[in-house]
Structures are given as structure tokens and as C-alpha cells.
Protein backbone atom coordinates (compact mmCIF):
# COMPACT_ATOMS: atom_id res chain seq x y z
CA MET A 1 203.17 -10.44 -34.78
CA HIS A 2 199.76 -8.94 -34.19
CA VAL A 3 198.03 -8.88 -37.59
CA ALA A 4 194.84 -6.93 -38.24
CA LEU A 5 192.84 -8.67 -40.96
CA LEU A 6 190.97 -5.97 -42.88
CA ALA A 7 188.10 -6.88 -45.17
CA ASN A 8 184.58 -5.97 -46.21
CA LEU A 9 182.09 -8.68 -45.33
CA GLN A 10 179.03 -9.10 -47.50
CA LYS A 11 176.85 -9.38 -44.40
CA ASN A 12 178.02 -5.94 -43.18
CA ALA A 13 177.55 -4.10 -46.48
CA PRO A 14 175.14 -1.14 -46.49
CA LEU A 15 171.81 -1.55 -48.27
CA LEU A 16 170.41 1.51 -50.03
CA PRO A 17 167.26 2.05 -52.12
CA GLY A 18 167.74 1.38 -55.82
CA MET A 19 170.94 -0.56 -55.35
CA SER A 20 171.63 -3.28 -57.97
CA SER A 21 171.29 -6.87 -56.79
CA ASP A 22 174.95 -7.64 -57.53
CA MET A 23 176.32 -4.52 -55.83
CA TRP A 24 178.27 -6.45 -53.20
CA ASP A 25 179.22 -9.57 -55.16
CA ASP A 26 182.93 -8.79 -54.81
CA LEU A 27 182.85 -8.58 -51.01
CA ASP A 28 184.04 -11.46 -48.84
CA SER A 29 182.23 -14.19 -46.96
CA GLU A 30 182.76 -15.12 -43.34
CA LYS A 31 184.22 -18.42 -44.53
CA THR A 32 187.04 -16.61 -46.33
CA ILE A 33 187.81 -14.48 -43.27
CA GLU A 34 187.85 -17.55 -41.04
CA ALA A 35 190.19 -19.35 -43.44
CA ILE A 36 192.66 -16.44 -43.64
CA THR A 37 192.57 -16.03 -39.86
CA ALA A 38 193.35 -19.71 -39.32
CA ALA A 39 196.14 -19.58 -41.89
CA LEU A 40 197.80 -16.58 -40.25
CA GLU A 41 197.43 -18.14 -36.80
CA SER A 42 199.14 -21.27 -38.11
CA GLY A 43 202.10 -19.00 -38.87
CA GLY A 44 202.28 -18.02 -35.21
CA HIS A 45 200.48 -14.68 -35.49
CA LYS A 46 197.75 -13.12 -33.39
CA VAL A 47 194.89 -12.05 -35.66
CA THR A 48 192.11 -9.50 -35.15
CA PHE A 49 189.45 -8.86 -37.77
CA LEU A 50 188.38 -5.29 -38.51
CA GLU A 51 185.68 -4.21 -40.94
CA GLY A 52 187.08 -1.83 -43.56
CA ASP A 53 184.41 0.84 -43.26
CA SER A 54 184.15 4.27 -41.61
CA THR A 55 184.85 2.69 -38.20
CA LEU A 56 188.31 1.55 -39.28
CA PHE A 57 190.17 4.78 -38.62
CA ASP A 58 189.46 4.76 -34.88
CA ASN A 59 189.51 0.97 -34.48
CA VAL A 60 192.90 0.40 -36.08
CA ARG A 61 194.42 3.28 -34.10
CA ARG A 62 193.21 1.68 -30.88
CA LEU A 63 194.36 -1.79 -31.91
CA LYS A 64 197.89 -0.74 -32.94
CA PRO A 65 198.67 -3.87 -34.98
CA ASP A 66 202.17 -4.63 -36.23
CA ILE A 67 200.81 -4.99 -39.77
CA CYS A 68 197.48 -5.25 -41.57
CA PHE A 69 196.52 -8.02 -43.99
CA ASN A 70 194.38 -6.00 -46.36
CA ILE A 71 191.76 -7.45 -48.70
CA CYS A 72 189.27 -4.56 -48.54
CA GLU A 73 187.26 -3.92 -51.71
CA GLY A 74 185.56 -0.82 -50.32
CA HIS A 75 181.94 0.26 -50.60
CA PHE A 76 181.63 3.55 -52.47
CA GLY A 77 183.66 5.76 -54.77
CA ASP A 78 185.68 5.53 -57.97
CA SER A 79 188.80 4.53 -56.03
CA ARG A 80 187.15 2.56 -53.24
CA GLU A 81 189.86 -0.14 -53.11
CA ALA A 82 192.44 2.55 -52.34
CA GLN A 83 190.59 4.08 -49.37
CA VAL A 84 191.78 1.69 -46.66
CA PRO A 85 195.44 1.81 -47.77
CA ALA A 86 195.21 5.62 -47.73
CA ILE A 87 194.03 5.51 -44.11
CA LEU A 88 196.83 3.11 -43.18
CA GLU A 89 199.47 5.26 -44.83
CA MET A 90 198.13 8.32 -43.02
CA LEU A 91 198.52 6.42 -39.75
CA ARG A 92 201.87 4.92 -40.83
CA ILE A 93 200.66 1.36 -40.33
CA PRO A 94 202.22 -1.32 -42.60
CA TYR A 95 199.92 -3.44 -44.76
CA THR A 96 200.05 -6.22 -47.33
CA GLY A 97 199.50 -5.75 -51.02
CA SER A 98 199.60 -2.87 -53.44
CA GLN A 99 199.52 0.76 -52.44
CA VAL A 100 197.08 3.60 -52.99
CA LEU A 101 197.96 4.65 -56.55
CA THR A 102 198.03 1.08 -57.89
CA LEU A 103 194.68 0.16 -56.34
CA ALA A 104 193.07 3.33 -57.70
CA LEU A 105 194.55 2.70 -61.16
CA THR A 106 193.72 -0.98 -61.53
CA LEU A 107 190.11 -0.66 -60.38
CA ASP A 108 189.63 1.62 -63.41
CA LYS A 109 189.90 -0.76 -66.37
CA PRO A 110 190.26 1.93 -69.07
CA MET A 111 193.05 3.70 -67.17
CA THR A 112 194.85 0.40 -66.72
CA LYS A 113 194.58 -0.30 -70.44
CA ARG A 114 196.01 3.15 -71.22
CA VAL A 115 199.05 2.34 -69.08
CA LEU A 116 199.46 -1.05 -70.76
CA THR A 117 199.18 0.56 -74.20
CA TYR A 118 201.76 3.20 -73.30
CA HIS A 119 204.22 0.45 -72.37
CA GLY A 120 203.55 -1.51 -75.55
CA LEU A 121 201.88 -4.41 -73.77
CA PRO A 122 199.16 -6.22 -75.78
CA THR A 123 195.61 -5.37 -74.73
CA PRO A 124 192.50 -5.35 -76.96
CA GLN A 125 191.66 -2.12 -78.78
CA PHE A 126 189.08 -0.21 -76.74
CA GLN A 127 186.88 2.82 -76.29
CA VAL A 128 185.26 4.30 -73.20
CA PHE A 129 181.62 5.39 -73.54
CA GLU A 130 180.06 8.00 -71.27
CA ARG A 131 176.88 8.51 -73.35
CA ILE A 132 174.67 6.02 -75.16
CA HIS A 133 174.92 7.75 -78.55
CA GLU A 134 178.61 8.62 -78.41
CA PRO A 135 180.25 8.06 -81.85
CA ILE A 136 182.23 4.85 -82.30
CA ASN A 137 185.93 5.26 -82.99
CA ASP A 138 187.03 4.24 -86.48
CA ASP A 139 189.57 1.74 -85.15
CA LEU A 140 187.08 -0.13 -82.95
CA VAL A 141 186.15 -3.40 -84.65
CA PHE A 142 183.16 -5.63 -83.88
CA PRO A 143 182.54 -7.95 -82.11
CA LEU A 144 183.01 -5.98 -78.91
CA PHE A 145 183.05 -6.97 -75.26
CA VAL A 146 181.16 -4.44 -73.15
CA LYS A 147 181.50 -4.08 -69.36
CA PRO A 148 181.41 -1.50 -66.56
CA SER A 149 184.66 0.41 -66.12
CA ARG A 150 185.06 0.01 -62.37
CA GLU A 151 183.55 -3.26 -61.15
CA GLY A 152 184.95 -6.65 -60.20
CA THR A 153 183.80 -10.28 -59.90
CA GLY A 154 182.35 -10.18 -63.40
CA MET A 155 179.69 -7.66 -62.40
CA GLY A 156 177.65 -6.62 -65.41
CA ILE A 157 179.06 -9.44 -67.54
CA SER A 158 176.74 -11.92 -69.25
CA ALA A 159 176.36 -13.59 -72.63
CA ASP A 160 174.92 -10.24 -73.81
CA SER A 161 178.28 -8.57 -73.11
CA VAL A 162 179.53 -9.68 -76.54
CA VAL A 163 177.91 -7.43 -79.13
CA GLN A 164 178.06 -7.94 -82.89
CA ASN A 165 176.80 -4.60 -84.18
CA GLU A 166 176.01 -1.03 -83.23
CA GLU A 167 172.40 -1.72 -82.29
CA GLN A 168 173.45 -4.37 -79.76
CA LEU A 169 176.16 -2.05 -78.46
CA ARG A 170 173.70 0.79 -77.79
CA THR A 171 171.31 -1.59 -76.05
CA GLN A 172 174.05 -2.90 -73.77
CA LEU A 173 175.34 0.59 -73.03
CA ARG A 174 171.87 1.61 -71.89
CA ARG A 175 171.62 -1.43 -69.59
CA LEU A 176 174.98 -0.80 -67.98
CA PHE A 177 174.49 2.96 -67.58
CA ASP A 178 171.13 2.37 -65.91
CA ARG A 179 172.46 -0.31 -63.59
CA TYR A 180 175.93 0.95 -62.61
CA ASP A 181 175.90 4.70 -63.39
CA GLN A 182 179.52 4.83 -64.57
CA PRO A 183 181.48 4.89 -67.86
CA VAL A 184 181.40 1.70 -69.91
CA LEU A 185 184.40 -0.01 -71.50
CA ALA A 186 183.98 -1.55 -74.95
CA GLU A 187 186.97 -3.54 -76.22
CA HIS A 188 187.50 -5.77 -79.23
CA PHE A 189 186.33 -9.25 -78.25
CA ILE A 190 189.16 -11.77 -78.36
CA GLU A 191 187.75 -15.15 -79.32
CA GLY A 192 189.75 -17.90 -77.66
CA ARG A 193 190.89 -19.47 -74.42
CA GLU A 194 190.83 -17.54 -71.13
CA ILE A 195 193.84 -18.01 -68.85
CA THR A 196 194.88 -16.36 -65.61
CA VAL A 197 198.32 -16.26 -63.98
CA GLY A 198 198.85 -15.59 -60.29
CA VAL A 199 202.01 -14.15 -58.82
CA VAL A 200 203.43 -13.69 -55.33
CA GLY A 201 206.47 -11.56 -54.59
CA ASN A 202 208.12 -8.30 -55.56
CA LEU A 203 210.35 -7.40 -58.47
CA THR A 204 213.81 -6.36 -57.34
CA THR A 205 215.00 -4.76 -60.59
CA PRO A 206 213.79 -1.38 -61.91
CA VAL A 207 213.13 -2.91 -65.33
CA ALA A 208 209.52 -3.06 -66.44
CA TRP A 209 210.05 -5.58 -69.18
CA ARG A 210 211.52 -8.73 -67.70
CA LEU A 211 211.94 -10.93 -64.65
CA PRO A 212 215.06 -10.60 -62.48
CA GLU A 213 218.04 -11.32 -64.74
CA ASP A 214 219.56 -13.89 -62.38
CA GLU A 215 217.69 -17.09 -63.24
CA GLU A 216 218.97 -18.69 -60.02
CA ALA A 217 217.61 -15.90 -57.82
CA PRO A 218 214.96 -17.04 -55.35
CA ARG A 219 211.49 -16.25 -56.71
CA VAL A 220 209.63 -16.45 -53.40
CA SER A 221 211.19 -14.08 -50.87
CA ARG A 222 212.53 -11.53 -53.36
CA GLY A 223 211.58 -11.49 -57.00
CA LEU A 224 208.39 -12.90 -58.45
CA TYR A 225 207.08 -16.41 -57.92
CA LEU A 226 204.81 -17.15 -60.85
CA LEU A 227 202.16 -19.76 -60.13
CA PRO A 228 200.92 -22.31 -62.69
CA PRO A 229 198.49 -20.78 -65.20
CA LEU A 230 194.82 -21.62 -64.78
CA GLU A 231 192.44 -22.00 -67.73
CA ILE A 232 188.69 -21.66 -67.28
CA ASP A 233 187.10 -24.69 -68.95
CA MET A 234 184.20 -22.94 -70.63
CA THR A 235 183.02 -26.17 -72.29
CA ARG A 236 181.71 -27.36 -68.92
CA TYR A 237 179.27 -24.48 -68.42
CA PRO A 238 175.71 -24.05 -69.72
CA ASP A 239 175.36 -22.79 -73.30
CA GLU A 240 173.44 -19.73 -72.10
CA GLU A 241 176.66 -18.36 -70.57
CA GLY A 242 177.84 -17.85 -74.16
CA GLY A 243 181.37 -19.12 -73.56
CA ILE A 244 182.03 -16.08 -71.35
CA TYR A 245 183.36 -16.02 -67.78
CA THR A 246 180.17 -14.37 -66.56
CA SER A 247 179.06 -12.92 -63.26
CA ARG A 248 176.80 -15.94 -62.77
CA ILE A 249 179.73 -18.36 -63.13
CA LYS A 250 181.76 -16.33 -60.61
CA THR A 251 178.97 -16.15 -58.04
CA GLU A 252 176.06 -18.60 -58.36
CA LEU A 253 178.22 -21.36 -59.91
CA ALA A 254 181.42 -20.60 -57.98
CA HIS A 255 181.28 -23.89 -56.06
CA GLU A 256 181.05 -25.79 -59.36
CA PHE A 257 184.13 -24.11 -60.82
CA HIS A 258 185.56 -25.95 -63.85
CA TYR A 259 189.19 -25.31 -64.65
CA LEU A 260 192.45 -26.78 -65.94
CA CYS A 261 195.49 -26.07 -63.78
CA PRO A 262 198.19 -26.10 -64.94
CA ALA A 263 196.63 -24.96 -68.22
CA PRO A 264 197.62 -27.20 -71.16
CA ILE A 265 199.99 -24.81 -72.97
CA ASP A 266 203.49 -25.30 -74.36
CA ASP A 267 206.68 -23.95 -72.81
CA ASP A 268 206.91 -21.01 -75.20
CA MET A 269 203.40 -19.84 -74.34
CA LEU A 270 204.08 -20.31 -70.62
CA GLU A 271 207.21 -18.17 -70.89
CA GLU A 272 205.30 -15.47 -72.79
CA LEU A 273 202.45 -15.39 -70.27
CA ASN A 274 204.90 -15.23 -67.35
CA TRP A 275 206.81 -12.40 -69.00
CA LEU A 276 203.62 -10.44 -69.66
CA THR A 277 202.43 -11.07 -66.10
CA ALA A 278 205.69 -9.73 -64.68
CA ALA A 279 205.61 -6.70 -66.97
CA THR A 280 201.99 -5.91 -66.09
CA PHE A 281 202.76 -6.33 -62.38
CA ARG A 282 205.66 -3.89 -62.74
CA VAL A 283 204.11 -1.13 -64.87
CA THR A 284 201.00 -0.93 -62.67
CA GLY A 285 203.13 -0.83 -59.51
CA CYS A 286 201.82 -3.98 -57.83
CA GLN A 287 203.29 -5.40 -54.65
CA ASP A 288 203.21 -8.78 -52.87
CA VAL A 289 200.45 -10.49 -54.87
CA ALA A 290 198.33 -10.13 -58.00
CA ARG A 291 196.60 -12.04 -60.78
CA VAL A 292 196.68 -11.21 -64.49
CA ASP A 293 193.88 -12.32 -66.85
CA PHE A 294 194.52 -13.15 -70.51
CA ARG A 295 192.69 -14.23 -73.64
CA LEU A 296 194.51 -16.19 -76.36
CA ASP A 297 193.38 -15.01 -79.79
CA ALA A 298 192.21 -18.09 -81.70
CA ASN A 299 192.18 -15.99 -84.89
CA ASP A 300 195.81 -14.85 -84.54
CA GLY A 301 197.91 -17.86 -83.60
CA ASN A 302 196.79 -17.78 -79.94
CA LYS A 303 198.46 -14.42 -79.39
CA PRO A 304 197.93 -13.48 -75.72
CA TYR A 305 196.09 -10.27 -74.88
CA ILE A 306 196.03 -8.80 -71.38
CA LEU A 307 192.47 -8.19 -70.17
CA GLU A 308 193.20 -6.81 -66.70
CA ILE A 309 195.24 -7.18 -63.53
CA ASN A 310 193.75 -7.78 -60.09
CA PRO A 311 196.01 -6.69 -57.20
CA LEU A 312 193.40 -7.92 -54.68
CA PRO A 313 192.77 -11.47 -55.95
CA GLY A 314 190.20 -13.55 -54.11
CA LEU A 315 191.42 -15.80 -51.30
CA ASN A 316 188.53 -18.19 -50.83
CA PRO A 317 190.34 -21.50 -50.19
CA GLU A 318 187.90 -23.55 -52.24
CA TYR A 319 187.40 -21.74 -55.53
CA SER A 320 189.50 -18.58 -55.85
CA ASP A 321 191.83 -18.74 -58.85
CA LEU A 322 194.96 -17.81 -56.91
CA CYS A 323 194.34 -20.50 -54.30
CA ILE A 324 193.79 -23.17 -56.96
CA GLU A 325 197.02 -22.17 -58.68
CA ALA A 326 198.91 -22.32 -55.39
CA ARG A 327 197.58 -25.85 -54.76
CA ALA A 328 198.73 -26.88 -58.23
CA GLU A 329 202.20 -25.62 -57.28
CA GLY A 330 202.12 -27.79 -54.16
CA TRP A 331 201.53 -24.97 -51.69
CA THR A 332 199.07 -25.31 -48.86
CA TYR A 333 196.57 -22.52 -48.30
CA GLU A 334 198.47 -21.63 -45.14
CA GLU A 335 201.69 -21.28 -47.12
CA LEU A 336 200.06 -19.00 -49.68
CA VAL A 337 198.57 -16.63 -47.10
CA ASN A 338 201.74 -16.46 -45.02
CA ARG A 339 203.94 -15.91 -48.10
CA ILE A 340 201.86 -12.86 -48.95
CA LEU A 341 202.30 -11.60 -45.39
CA ASN A 342 206.02 -12.36 -45.43
CA GLU A 343 206.52 -10.41 -48.64
CA ALA A 344 205.01 -7.35 -46.97
CA THR A 345 206.94 -7.73 -43.72
CA GLU A 346 210.18 -7.97 -45.68
CA ARG A 347 209.32 -4.84 -47.68
CA TYR A 348 208.77 -2.93 -44.46
CA GLY A 349 211.81 -4.44 -42.74
CA LEU A 350 209.75 -5.84 -39.89
């Protein structure tokens, strides 16, 4: 097949006056694009890279690919990750990964948490702030974790993101409003281990609460294939990171990533995390691939809380969580990339 690889390269990102220094931290490097291209070519496909910006509409119409491998993060707008899929659906061109509504929903962390709460899935108590002096809800308990509502790659997250009192909260709100100009999410800080679970596939049942009932059903081509959980080893990072998976760890220290995979957890915890991953995947409408991030509450018997779901997980072959998990499962990078593509081609009946 002819596959159009759609992405936003950091080197092609627009630069505007007053833009924050980390504005494009979640965009991809040329190395990632080269790795995905090589992986798809190893599967027998012809690959053409297209930048996912305003030129895409005309370029993809001229190219007429059989399918697009989409990893576009977008540049501007509250639903920027959904813009490229919207173009592709308008043009009736198949693509990998989740669709427009899911990508718009999951980029907005508060909206995602509202959906999780509606479905009874455990996520920390939260409040969205649009003004610095907005009253604090009675049910919001310190310490709080404070972060921008619609950013990825840990943007805006540092040791100062954990606040112990109202004064610290107001200070952090001011910083984030000034830097990102968007609502700020404050959620109860869960003290404990941070674990992420990657998944490839598509649920075949209409049930939001469990994996396919047939335990013998294949979990790769149809159904969900849950990868080994990965735990970030926070003990290996400098004390100034505050035990938090910060923006600096995800960017400046990315090539020194410290992790445990598979995470050292017992079978009961693994089953619970897998179940919650599948449920989150389902209720947010994900397709083909995703990654769900958890914290285990050290003050409540390691109860898992869902922090967020990422339907566009990073695919850098060296340090992206999903790629590390796939290696732990015995998959090559080429197998991971082509399994994502195959899930999409099967959905479309190609």
C-alpha cells in the first residue's frame, strides 16, 4: 500500500513573538519520522511524508494515498489534534488511530476526567480554574497537582506543580495562565508510583467495562493487546524534579530515561490496570493504539487512579513509553508500527 505518514516536525513549527519556549515540545523529530518510515517500508509499503499543516489539504488530495499513518499533534487551537483527522474524513481518506471526537476530547484533560467520572472510573478529584482568584471547591483537598488543561509532553509540569496550600495554588495558577493562556486543571495529588499501560488493537464488544469475554480470542488483530506496564523509576532522577514526571524529564533528560518494564506489580494489580486501561480506551472512543497513565495511591493500599489517556502516544524508538513496552513484550519496533497500521486497515476493510 501507499502510506502517507502525517506528522508535525519540530523543525517546521511556526515561531511567533511571545511564544513559550516549550510550545513545540510535543512535536516530532526527524529521527522519529525516519524510524516510522523505515518500519512501514519493512512491511512492504511505499511511504511518503507530509507535514500536517495548512498545506496538507491540497498535498494529500494530490498524493491519493491508500491510508495515512497519522501522528499529528497540530499547532494551534483547543482541538488541534483533531484537525488532521477532520480533513481526512472530509476527503474520505482512511487513517490510523482515533477519530475526531476522541482526539478533541482527550486533549482536554478536564473533559476527559468528566467522562471517566460519569462512567465510575477512578480519577483524582479535580477542579478547573479559569481565573486566579476563583473559589476553591469544598471537596478539593490539598495537596493538589496543577497543570495546563490542554498540553502534552509534561508541558507546564515541574516540582512546583504540587501545591500544599492556597497561596502556592494561586502562585502556580498565575504562572500557568501567563504562560499558556488556557484553563488550568487542579486535581488531588496522588502520592505513589506512576505506571503507564500501552495498548494496541480495537475492542470488539460494545461493553465499556471489560475485555472481550472470550479469553482465547486473539488480542492482536481484533480485541485489545495490552502491553507490559511501565513504571517510571523516579528514584533515579535529580531531587529537584520533586519525584514528579516533569517536562524536563520528558524532554531534556529523555535519552536518560529510567524505567522498570514490566513494572514490579502482582497479578491482581496487573489485572486491575489492564481492566481500567480497556475501560478508559472504550469510554473515550479510542482506536488502534493508546496509552493510559496511572498513579497508585500509597496512602490507600496502592489504589490505581487514572490520570489521563493518550491516543497519540510517542513513537520514538529509543525512549517512547509505548516502544519500550513493546520491546518488553518481545516485539520489534517494526512489528509495533505495522500492527498499528494493520489494525486500521482491518477496520476500514482494506
